[in-house]
């Protein structure tokens, strides 16, 4: 489906109907005084990560799989992120 544009006022007045349409796959761009300010879109079943998020997730998984001795203290940022 194509994106539809709707004013903030109309979005506010028709919110329940907009949500029903979004559940069916419609995406809306909400405008204030003609300028886009928000996007209302369906929530993906599987979240798509950015390349930076994917790299961070891989680092976290490596640390979790390897594990590390906390020695009775909280790990530092460097311990967790490798920097």
N, C-alpha and C. Protein backbone atom coordinates (compact mmCIF):
# COMPACT_ATOMS: atom_id res chain seq x y z
N UNK A 1 0.83 -1.19 0.00
CA UNK A 1 0.00 0.00 0.00
C UNK A 1 0.87 1.25 0.00
N UNK A 2 0.39 2.27 -0.65
CA UNK A 2 1.09 3.55 -0.65
C UNK A 2 0.87 4.27 0.67
N UNK A 3 1.77 5.19 0.98
CA UNK A 3 1.60 6.03 2.15
C UNK A 3 0.49 7.04 1.89
N UNK A 4 -0.28 7.31 2.93
CA UNK A 4 -1.28 8.37 2.85
C UNK A 4 -0.83 9.49 3.77
N UNK A 5 -1.15 10.72 3.39
CA UNK A 5 -0.83 11.87 4.23
C UNK A 5 -2.11 12.32 4.92
N UNK A 6 -1.97 12.64 6.22
CA UNK A 6 -3.12 13.09 6.99
C UNK A 6 -2.66 14.18 7.95
N UNK A 7 -3.50 15.18 8.16
CA UNK A 7 -3.14 16.26 9.08
C UNK A 7 -3.23 15.75 10.51
N UNK A 8 -2.51 16.39 11.39
CA UNK A 8 -2.53 16.02 12.80
C UNK A 8 -3.95 16.10 13.35
N UNK A 9 -4.66 17.13 12.98
CA UNK A 9 -6.04 17.29 13.45
C UNK A 9 -6.92 16.13 13.00
N UNK A 10 -6.84 15.78 11.71
CA UNK A 10 -7.65 14.68 11.19
C UNK A 10 -7.22 13.35 11.82
N UNK A 11 -5.92 13.17 12.00
CA UNK A 11 -5.43 11.94 12.63
C UNK A 11 -5.98 11.81 14.04
N UNK A 12 -6.01 12.91 14.76
CA UNK A 12 -6.53 12.91 16.12
C UNK A 12 -8.02 12.55 16.12
N UNK A 13 -8.78 13.12 15.22
CA UNK A 13 -10.23 12.90 15.17
C UNK A 13 -10.59 11.52 14.65
N UNK A 14 -9.72 10.90 13.84
CA UNK A 14 -10.03 9.61 13.22
C UNK A 14 -9.10 8.50 13.69
N UNK A 15 -8.53 8.65 14.87
CA UNK A 15 -7.47 7.75 15.31
C UNK A 15 -7.85 6.28 15.27
N UNK A 16 -9.02 5.92 15.78
CA UNK A 16 -9.44 4.51 15.81
C UNK A 16 -9.50 3.93 14.39
N UNK A 17 -10.05 4.68 13.47
CA UNK A 17 -10.14 4.22 12.08
C UNK A 17 -8.75 4.10 11.45
N UNK A 18 -7.87 5.04 11.74
CA UNK A 18 -6.51 4.99 11.21
C UNK A 18 -5.80 3.74 11.72
N UNK A 19 -5.95 3.45 13.00
CA UNK A 19 -5.30 2.26 13.56
C UNK A 19 -5.84 1.00 12.88
N UNK A 20 -7.14 0.93 12.61
CA UNK A 20 -7.69 -0.24 11.90
C UNK A 20 -7.03 -0.38 10.52
N UNK A 21 -6.88 0.75 9.83
CA UNK A 21 -6.26 0.70 8.50
C UNK A 21 -4.78 0.32 8.59
N UNK A 22 -4.09 0.82 9.59
CA UNK A 22 -2.67 0.49 9.78
C UNK A 22 -2.53 -1.01 10.06
N UNK A 23 -3.45 -1.56 10.83
CA UNK A 23 -3.42 -3.01 11.09
C UNK A 23 -3.55 -3.81 9.80
N UNK A 24 -4.19 -3.21 8.80
CA UNK A 24 -4.35 -3.86 7.50
C UNK A 24 -3.20 -3.57 6.55
N UNK A 25 -2.20 -2.81 7.02
CA UNK A 25 -1.02 -2.58 6.19
C UNK A 25 -0.82 -1.16 5.71
N UNK A 26 -1.77 -0.27 5.95
CA UNK A 26 -1.66 1.11 5.49
C UNK A 26 -0.64 1.88 6.33
N UNK A 27 0.09 2.78 5.70
CA UNK A 27 1.03 3.68 6.38
C UNK A 27 0.56 5.11 6.19
N UNK A 28 0.65 5.90 7.26
CA UNK A 28 0.27 7.31 7.22
C UNK A 28 1.45 8.20 7.56
N UNK A 29 1.54 9.32 6.88
CA UNK A 29 2.45 10.41 7.23
C UNK A 29 1.57 11.49 7.84
N UNK A 30 1.87 11.87 9.08
CA UNK A 30 1.09 12.89 9.78
C UNK A 30 1.80 14.23 9.60
N UNK A 31 1.01 15.24 9.23
CA UNK A 31 1.58 16.56 9.00
C UNK A 31 1.02 17.57 10.00
N UNK A 32 1.84 18.56 10.29
CA UNK A 32 1.41 19.72 11.09
C UNK A 32 1.73 20.94 10.25
N UNK A 33 0.71 21.70 9.95
CA UNK A 33 0.86 22.88 9.08
C UNK A 33 1.55 22.53 7.76
N UNK A 34 1.23 21.35 7.23
CA UNK A 34 1.76 20.92 5.94
C UNK A 34 3.12 20.26 5.98
N UNK A 35 3.78 20.24 7.14
CA UNK A 35 5.11 19.64 7.26
C UNK A 35 5.01 18.26 7.90
N UNK A 36 5.64 17.24 7.33
CA UNK A 36 5.61 15.90 7.92
C UNK A 36 6.26 15.89 9.31
N UNK A 37 5.57 15.30 10.28
CA UNK A 37 6.10 15.24 11.64
C UNK A 37 6.14 13.82 12.21
N UNK A 38 5.40 12.89 11.61
CA UNK A 38 5.36 11.54 12.16
C UNK A 38 4.92 10.55 11.09
N UNK A 39 5.25 9.29 11.35
CA UNK A 39 4.82 8.21 10.47
C UNK A 39 4.10 7.19 11.36
N UNK A 40 2.93 6.75 10.92
CA UNK A 40 2.21 5.68 11.60
C UNK A 40 2.21 4.51 10.64
N UNK A 41 2.84 3.41 11.07
CA UNK A 41 2.98 2.26 10.19
C UNK A 41 2.81 0.98 10.98
N UNK A 42 2.49 -0.12 10.28
CA UNK A 42 2.34 -1.39 10.98
C UNK A 42 3.64 -1.81 11.65
N UNK A 43 3.51 -2.46 12.77
CA UNK A 43 4.68 -2.99 13.45
C UNK A 43 5.05 -4.30 12.76
N UNK A 44 6.29 -4.38 12.35
CA UNK A 44 6.77 -5.59 11.70
C UNK A 44 6.80 -6.73 12.70
N UNK A 45 6.50 -7.92 12.24
CA UNK A 45 6.57 -9.09 13.11
C UNK A 45 8.00 -9.34 13.57
N UNK A 46 8.96 -9.06 12.68
CA UNK A 46 10.36 -9.22 13.02
C UNK A 46 11.03 -7.85 12.90
N UNK A 47 11.61 -7.40 13.97
CA UNK A 47 12.27 -6.10 13.98
C UNK A 47 13.51 -6.14 13.10
N UNK A 48 13.69 -5.13 12.27
CA UNK A 48 14.87 -5.03 11.42
C UNK A 48 15.89 -4.15 12.12
N UNK A 49 17.08 -4.68 12.28
CA UNK A 49 18.14 -3.94 12.96
C UNK A 49 19.00 -3.20 11.95
N UNK A 50 19.52 -2.06 12.37
CA UNK A 50 20.47 -1.33 11.54
C UNK A 50 21.80 -2.09 11.59
N UNK A 51 22.72 -1.83 10.67
CA UNK A 51 24.02 -2.50 10.73
C UNK A 51 24.74 -2.28 12.07
N UNK A 52 24.64 -1.09 12.64
CA UNK A 52 25.28 -0.82 13.93
C UNK A 52 24.63 -1.63 15.04
N UNK A 53 23.30 -1.74 15.01
CA UNK A 53 22.60 -2.54 16.02
C UNK A 53 22.94 -4.02 15.87
N UNK A 54 23.03 -4.47 14.64
CA UNK A 54 23.38 -5.88 14.38
C UNK A 54 24.77 -6.18 14.92
N UNK A 55 25.73 -5.29 14.69
CA UNK A 55 27.09 -5.47 15.19
C UNK A 55 27.10 -5.49 16.72
N UNK A 56 26.34 -4.59 17.34
CA UNK A 56 26.26 -4.55 18.80
C UNK A 56 25.66 -5.85 19.33
N UNK A 57 24.62 -6.34 18.68
CA UNK A 57 23.98 -7.59 19.10
C UNK A 57 24.97 -8.75 19.01
N UNK A 58 25.78 -8.80 17.96
CA UNK A 58 26.78 -9.87 17.81
C UNK A 58 27.82 -9.79 18.94
N UNK A 59 28.24 -8.57 19.29
CA UNK A 59 29.20 -8.42 20.40
C UNK A 59 28.61 -8.91 21.71
N UNK A 60 27.37 -8.56 21.96
CA UNK A 60 26.71 -8.99 23.19
C UNK A 60 26.59 -10.51 23.22
N UNK A 61 26.23 -11.11 22.11
CA UNK A 61 26.11 -12.58 22.07
C UNK A 61 27.44 -13.25 22.33
N UNK A 62 28.53 -12.70 21.76
CA UNK A 62 29.87 -13.29 21.99
C UNK A 62 30.21 -13.23 23.48
N UNK A 63 29.95 -12.09 24.10
CA UNK A 63 30.24 -11.95 25.53
C UNK A 63 29.39 -12.92 26.34
N UNK A 64 28.13 -13.05 25.98
CA UNK A 64 27.25 -13.95 26.71
C UNK A 64 27.69 -15.41 26.56
N UNK A 65 28.09 -15.78 25.35
CA UNK A 65 28.53 -17.16 25.11
C UNK A 65 29.85 -17.45 25.83
N UNK A 66 30.76 -16.50 25.79
CA UNK A 66 32.06 -16.66 26.42
C UNK A 66 31.94 -16.54 27.93
N UNK A 67 31.16 -15.56 28.36
CA UNK A 67 31.04 -15.28 29.78
C UNK A 67 32.31 -14.62 30.29
N UNK A 68 32.26 -14.04 31.46
CA UNK A 68 33.46 -13.48 32.06
C UNK A 68 33.27 -13.41 33.56
N UNK A 69 34.37 -13.49 34.26
CA UNK A 69 34.36 -13.47 35.71
C UNK A 69 34.12 -12.04 36.18
N UNK A 70 33.05 -11.85 36.91
CA UNK A 70 32.75 -10.53 37.41
C UNK A 70 33.57 -10.18 38.65
N UNK A 71 34.10 -11.19 39.30
CA UNK A 71 34.92 -10.94 40.48
C UNK A 71 34.18 -10.17 41.55
N UNK A 72 32.88 -10.34 41.61
CA UNK A 72 32.09 -9.68 42.63
C UNK A 72 31.79 -8.23 42.34
N UNK A 73 32.05 -7.76 41.10
CA UNK A 73 31.76 -6.37 40.77
C UNK A 73 31.07 -6.29 39.41
N UNK A 74 30.46 -5.18 39.16
CA UNK A 74 29.77 -4.98 37.88
C UNK A 74 30.81 -4.80 36.77
N UNK A 75 30.52 -5.31 35.56
CA UNK A 75 31.47 -5.13 34.46
C UNK A 75 31.52 -3.67 34.03
N UNK A 76 32.66 -3.25 33.54
CA UNK A 76 32.80 -1.89 33.02
C UNK A 76 32.25 -1.81 31.60
N UNK A 77 32.06 -0.62 31.13
CA UNK A 77 31.63 -0.43 29.74
C UNK A 77 32.64 -1.05 28.77
N UNK A 78 33.94 -0.91 29.09
CA UNK A 78 34.98 -1.47 28.24
C UNK A 78 34.88 -3.00 28.19
N UNK A 79 34.59 -3.63 29.35
CA UNK A 79 34.43 -5.08 29.39
C UNK A 79 33.30 -5.53 28.46
N UNK A 80 32.23 -4.78 28.46
CA UNK A 80 31.05 -5.16 27.69
C UNK A 80 31.22 -4.84 26.21
N UNK A 81 31.73 -3.67 25.90
CA UNK A 81 31.78 -3.22 24.50
C UNK A 81 33.13 -3.42 23.83
N UNK A 82 34.12 -3.84 24.58
CA UNK A 82 35.43 -4.08 23.98
C UNK A 82 36.12 -2.81 23.53
N UNK A 83 35.80 -1.69 24.09
CA UNK A 83 36.44 -0.42 23.72
C UNK A 83 36.90 0.29 24.94
